[in-house]
Each structure stands twice: as C-alpha cells, then as structure tokens.
Amino acid sequence: MNKEAITSIIENALRSGDKTPGIFDLAKIMAIKAEIQSCTTVNAVLGLIDEHRDLISKAFGLSEDAIEETVQKIRAIEG
C-alpha cells in the first residue's frame, strides 16, 4: 500500500472543502486520522472513509461527489 500517495489524495480532498472542522469535531477527526495512518490495506482505508463519511463531509464541507472522487482515486492507486 502506498501510504504517501493515499495520504496526499486524502489531504487534497479535505483542503478542497469549504469548512474547517469545529472544536467538537476535531478530536473525532484526529482519531480517524490516526486510524487511517495505522491501516495496512487500501480496503481498510476505504472502510474507514465509508464508516465516517457523514462526519468527514460535515466537518470539511465536502460534497458526496468529492468524497466519492477521493475513494475512486485511492482505488486507482492499487489498480
């Protein structure tokens, strides 16, 4: 698994949102980040994104399309 590429894709997607996580969401977001960083497979990363999709969308102001595009880019890395 190419962690650097996956991290870059996720960071770029989060930057494209129109919000910054609020203080109450920040702890949850940091916990998700730690979980993603400890993943060893693409499927594990995608599972976490899917599990926390609503929070990620709300906290960063991302559309469903932006999240789905991110998922597709991550899938494309592994072929």
Protein backbone atom coordinates (compact mmCIF):
# COMPACT_ATOMS: atom_id res chain seq x y z
CA MET A 1 0.00 0.00 0.00
CA ASN A 2 1.37 3.41 -0.99
CA LYS A 3 0.64 5.38 2.19
CA GLU A 4 2.21 8.59 0.92
CA ALA A 5 0.02 8.69 -2.19
CA ILE A 6 -3.12 7.84 -0.23
CA THR A 7 -2.33 10.50 2.37
CA SER A 8 -1.79 13.06 -0.38
CA ILE A 9 -5.12 12.21 -2.04
CA ILE A 10 -6.99 12.49 1.26
CA GLU A 11 -5.28 15.74 2.26
CA ASN A 12 -6.02 17.34 -1.12
CA ALA A 13 -9.66 16.31 -0.87
CA LEU A 14 -10.01 17.73 2.64
CA ARG A 15 -8.40 21.01 1.54
CA SER A 16 -10.98 21.32 -1.22
CA GLY A 17 -13.81 21.51 1.30
CA ASP A 18 -15.30 24.83 2.28
CA LYS A 19 -15.17 24.32 6.06
CA THR A 20 -12.64 23.75 8.80
CA PRO A 21 -13.59 21.22 11.48
CA GLY A 22 -15.01 22.80 14.61
CA ILE A 23 -13.61 22.22 18.06
CA PHE A 24 -16.14 19.49 18.82
CA ASP A 25 -15.34 17.56 15.64
CA LEU A 26 -11.58 17.96 15.88
CA ALA A 27 -10.98 15.13 18.37
CA LYS A 28 -13.05 12.75 16.25
CA ILE A 29 -11.23 13.79 13.08
CA MET A 30 -7.84 13.29 14.73
CA ALA A 31 -8.90 9.81 15.89
CA ILE A 32 -9.96 8.93 12.34
CA LYS A 33 -6.64 10.25 11.02
CA ALA A 34 -4.73 8.02 13.45
CA GLU A 35 -6.82 5.01 12.40
CA ILE A 36 -6.18 5.70 8.72
CA GLN A 37 -2.46 6.09 9.33
CA SER A 38 -2.36 2.69 11.02
CA CYS A 39 -4.15 0.93 8.15
CA THR A 40 -2.16 -1.62 6.18
CA THR A 41 -4.54 -2.12 3.25
CA VAL A 42 -6.42 0.09 0.85
CA ASN A 43 -9.65 -1.69 1.77
CA ALA A 44 -9.12 -0.77 5.42
CA VAL A 45 -8.65 2.90 4.47
CA LEU A 46 -11.75 2.83 2.27
CA GLY A 47 -13.71 1.14 5.05
CA LEU A 48 -12.83 3.93 7.47
CA ILE A 49 -13.73 6.61 4.95
CA ASP A 50 -17.07 4.93 4.36
CA GLU A 51 -17.71 4.43 8.08
CA HIS A 52 -17.05 8.10 8.85
CA ARG A 53 -18.32 9.58 5.58
CA ASP A 54 -21.02 11.73 7.21
CA LEU A 55 -18.67 13.27 9.77
CA ILE A 56 -15.96 13.92 7.18
CA SER A 57 -18.48 15.52 4.85
CA LYS A 58 -19.96 17.72 7.56
CA ALA A 59 -16.68 18.70 9.22
CA PHE A 60 -14.91 19.70 5.99
CA GLY A 61 -17.89 20.84 3.92
CA LEU A 62 -17.36 18.18 1.26
CA SER A 63 -19.99 17.04 -1.18
CA GLU A 64 -20.79 13.37 -1.67
CA ASP A 65 -19.25 13.66 -5.14
CA ALA A 66 -15.96 14.93 -3.68
CA ILE A 67 -15.78 12.02 -1.26
CA GLU A 68 -16.63 9.51 -3.98
CA GLU A 69 -13.96 11.02 -6.25
CA THR A 70 -11.43 10.60 -3.44
CA VAL A 71 -12.45 6.97 -2.98
CA GLN A 72 -12.03 6.33 -6.71
CA LYS A 73 -8.57 7.93 -6.73
CA ILE A 74 -7.49 5.73 -3.82
CA ARG A 75 -8.84 2.63 -5.56
CA ALA A 76 -6.94 3.58 -8.73
CA ILE A 77 -3.61 3.55 -6.88
CA GLU A 78 -3.87 -0.15 -6.19
CA GLY A 79 -5.16 -0.92 -9.66
